[in-house]
Amino acid sequence: MSDELGTEAGGAPEVKKLPVGKLILLILLPILLIVGAAAGLFLTGMIGGKKTAAPAATQEAPPPPKLSGGHYTSLSDFILTLRTENGEPRVVMVTISLQLSSQEQNAIVKAGDARLRDSINMLLSEQPLQNYSDPSQLNNLRSKLAEEIKRVLPNLNLLGVHLTRVRVQ
């Protein structure tokens, strides 16, 4: 009768032993999953260390001076990684529109696009992060951009430079 119930002669039930491979799998797999998840969270900055998650700040630039007429063309977004005073990285996205005297001026912009984007990237990278959240500094940046664009493309009849989007994350 003891054989039917799976007990030994002493009355204690028989314990089946797991193979070593299954035992390692059942113990190490959950540990590895937990360690991997914790490492991923730590590396993305969600846990541990300094708090780096700041809410995204989108600032619409102050309205530019009114200029009548002209043709507008947008340059594709400029995305930069700048550092705060504490050394924390922040992503800055700037969208720039150019007001040109005519649609034919678009060809000049397209012909000098690589040089123009390079010089604008350099100018935007030189700005401190605080300049992207201060309206008076944005006006100053707009005039610096106009000067730089006129320097790179001297034949361009530029009527105005507009910062259509400035986003700091």
Protein backbone atom coordinates (compact mmCIF):
# COMPACT_ATOMS: atom_id res chain seq x y z
CA MET A 1 0.00 0.00 0.00
CA SER A 2 2.89 2.32 0.66
CA ASP A 3 3.97 1.84 -2.94
CA GLU A 4 0.63 3.13 -4.20
CA LEU A 5 0.87 6.39 -2.26
CA GLY A 6 4.48 7.05 -3.21
CA THR A 7 5.82 6.79 0.32
CA GLU A 8 8.82 4.96 1.62
CA ALA A 9 8.75 2.40 4.32
CA GLY A 10 9.32 5.11 7.01
CA GLY A 11 6.12 6.92 6.07
CA ALA A 12 7.71 10.01 4.50
CA PRO A 13 6.68 10.86 0.94
CA GLU A 14 9.25 10.39 -1.79
CA VAL A 15 10.82 13.58 -3.18
CA LYS A 16 11.64 13.60 -6.87
CA LYS A 17 14.90 15.32 -7.67
CA LEU A 18 15.08 17.77 -10.57
CA PRO A 19 17.89 17.44 -13.04
CA VAL A 20 20.67 20.00 -12.55
CA GLY A 21 19.92 21.71 -15.89
CA LYS A 22 16.32 22.44 -14.95
CA LEU A 23 17.34 23.57 -11.46
CA ILE A 24 19.85 26.05 -12.90
CA LEU A 25 17.26 27.26 -15.39
CA LEU A 26 14.61 27.82 -12.71
CA ILE A 27 16.99 29.75 -10.44
CA LEU A 28 19.24 31.65 -12.85
CA LEU A 29 16.67 32.70 -15.44
CA PRO A 30 14.59 34.90 -13.08
CA ILE A 31 17.76 36.37 -11.57
CA LEU A 32 19.15 37.21 -15.00
CA LEU A 33 15.86 38.78 -16.06
CA ILE A 34 15.73 40.98 -12.96
CA VAL A 35 19.39 42.02 -13.27
CA GLY A 36 18.93 42.79 -16.98
CA ALA A 37 15.83 44.89 -16.36
CA ALA A 38 17.56 46.80 -13.55
CA ALA A 39 20.62 47.44 -15.73
CA GLY A 40 18.41 48.71 -18.55
CA LEU A 41 16.55 51.07 -16.23
CA PHE A 42 19.80 52.32 -14.74
CA LEU A 43 21.39 52.95 -18.13
CA THR A 44 18.36 54.86 -19.40
CA GLY A 45 18.43 57.00 -16.27
CA MET A 46 15.08 55.90 -14.89
CA ILE A 47 16.60 54.71 -11.63
CA GLY A 48 19.68 55.67 -9.66
CA GLY A 49 22.02 58.61 -10.01
CA LYS A 50 20.93 62.17 -10.65
CA LYS A 51 17.47 63.01 -11.79
CA THR A 52 17.84 63.81 -15.48
CA ALA A 53 14.25 63.60 -16.62
CA ALA A 54 12.99 67.14 -17.08
CA PRO A 55 9.76 68.00 -18.79
CA ALA A 56 10.12 69.10 -22.36
CA ALA A 57 9.95 72.84 -22.81
CA THR A 58 8.65 74.08 -26.12
CA GLN A 59 9.03 77.76 -26.70
CA GLU A 60 7.47 79.50 -29.60
CA ALA A 61 9.76 82.29 -30.66
CA PRO A 62 8.56 85.85 -30.25
CA PRO A 63 6.93 87.22 -33.37
CA PRO A 64 9.43 88.57 -35.89
CA PRO A 65 9.16 92.09 -37.24
CA LYS A 66 6.46 92.35 -39.88
CA LEU A 67 7.82 92.34 -43.41
CA SER A 68 5.41 92.46 -46.29
CA GLY A 69 5.57 90.05 -49.19
CA GLY A 70 8.17 87.48 -49.93
CA HIS A 71 8.34 83.75 -50.28
CA TYR A 72 8.93 81.45 -47.31
CA THR A 73 11.07 78.35 -47.34
CA SER A 74 11.73 76.06 -44.38
CA LEU A 75 15.02 74.43 -43.60
CA SER A 76 14.70 70.94 -42.18
CA ASP A 77 14.95 70.67 -38.39
CA PHE A 78 18.24 71.26 -36.62
CA ILE A 79 18.68 68.79 -33.75
CA LEU A 80 21.50 69.42 -31.29
CA THR A 81 22.65 67.91 -28.01
CA LEU A 82 23.78 70.62 -25.62
CA ARG A 83 24.91 70.31 -22.00
CA THR A 84 23.51 72.12 -18.97
CA GLU A 85 25.77 73.80 -16.44
CA ASN A 86 25.72 70.49 -14.51
CA GLY A 87 26.88 68.60 -17.59
CA GLU A 88 23.54 66.90 -18.24
CA PRO A 89 22.72 66.48 -21.93
CA ARG A 90 19.65 68.18 -23.37
CA VAL A 91 18.26 67.85 -26.88
CA VAL A 92 17.43 71.08 -28.67
CA MET A 93 15.35 71.11 -31.85
CA VAL A 94 15.14 74.31 -33.89
CA THR A 95 13.08 74.84 -37.03
CA ILE A 96 14.05 77.80 -39.19
CA SER A 97 12.07 79.45 -41.99
CA LEU A 98 13.63 81.92 -44.37
CA GLN A 99 11.70 84.79 -45.92
CA LEU A 100 13.04 85.36 -49.42
CA SER A 101 12.27 88.08 -51.95
CA SER A 102 11.00 85.58 -54.55
CA GLN A 103 10.51 81.92 -55.20
CA GLU A 104 13.52 81.94 -57.55
CA GLN A 105 15.75 82.59 -54.51
CA ASN A 106 14.93 79.04 -53.41
CA ALA A 107 17.44 77.73 -55.95
CA ILE A 108 20.24 79.64 -54.20
CA VAL A 109 19.24 78.11 -50.86
CA LYS A 110 19.16 74.60 -52.33
CA ALA A 111 22.52 75.05 -54.07
CA GLY A 112 24.23 76.10 -50.84
CA ASP A 113 22.25 73.82 -48.53
CA ALA A 114 25.21 71.81 -47.17
CA ARG A 115 27.34 74.88 -46.42
CA LEU A 116 24.33 76.69 -44.97
CA ARG A 117 23.33 73.82 -42.68
CA ASP A 118 26.92 73.39 -41.51
CA SER A 119 27.34 77.04 -40.57
CA ILE A 120 23.92 77.15 -38.88
CA ASN A 121 24.75 73.98 -36.90
CA MET A 122 27.99 75.56 -35.74
CA LEU A 123 26.25 78.78 -34.72
CA LEU A 124 23.47 76.96 -32.86
CA SER A 125 25.99 74.68 -31.11
CA GLU A 126 27.94 77.67 -29.79
CA GLN A 127 24.89 79.08 -28.00
CA PRO A 128 24.44 78.34 -24.28
CA LEU A 129 21.37 76.29 -23.45
CA GLN A 130 19.76 79.21 -21.58
CA ASN A 131 19.59 81.22 -24.83
CA TYR A 132 16.92 78.86 -26.15
CA SER A 133 14.42 79.75 -23.43
CA ASP A 134 14.86 83.55 -23.24
CA PRO A 135 12.82 85.58 -25.78
CA SER A 136 15.37 88.41 -25.96
CA GLN A 137 18.14 85.88 -26.63
CA LEU A 138 16.00 84.28 -29.35
CA ASN A 139 15.74 87.68 -31.06
CA ASN A 140 19.51 88.00 -30.80
CA LEU A 141 19.90 84.48 -32.22
CA ARG A 142 17.60 85.35 -35.11
CA SER A 143 19.78 88.32 -36.08
CA LYS A 144 22.97 86.22 -35.76
CA LEU A 145 21.40 83.62 -38.05
CA ALA A 146 20.52 86.30 -40.62
CA GLU A 147 24.12 87.56 -40.58
CA GLU A 148 25.51 84.04 -40.94
CA ILE A 149 23.15 83.18 -43.81
CA LYS A 150 24.10 86.37 -45.64
CA ARG A 151 27.78 85.55 -45.11
CA VAL A 152 27.43 82.00 -46.49
CA LEU A 153 25.05 82.92 -49.34
CA PRO A 154 25.92 86.51 -50.31
CA ASN A 155 23.71 86.41 -53.45
CA LEU A 156 20.60 85.51 -51.45
CA ASN A 157 18.03 88.28 -51.08
CA LEU A 158 17.01 87.44 -47.52
CA LEU A 159 14.11 89.43 -46.05
CA GLY A 160 13.91 87.67 -42.68
CA VAL A 161 14.75 84.67 -40.54
CA HIS A 162 12.03 83.09 -38.43
CA LEU A 163 12.45 80.51 -35.66
CA THR A 164 9.21 78.62 -36.12
CA ARG A 165 9.92 76.05 -33.39
CA VAL A 166 12.39 75.90 -30.53
CA ARG A 167 12.13 72.81 -28.34
CA VAL A 168 14.38 71.87 -25.42
CA GLN A 169 14.08 68.39 -23.90
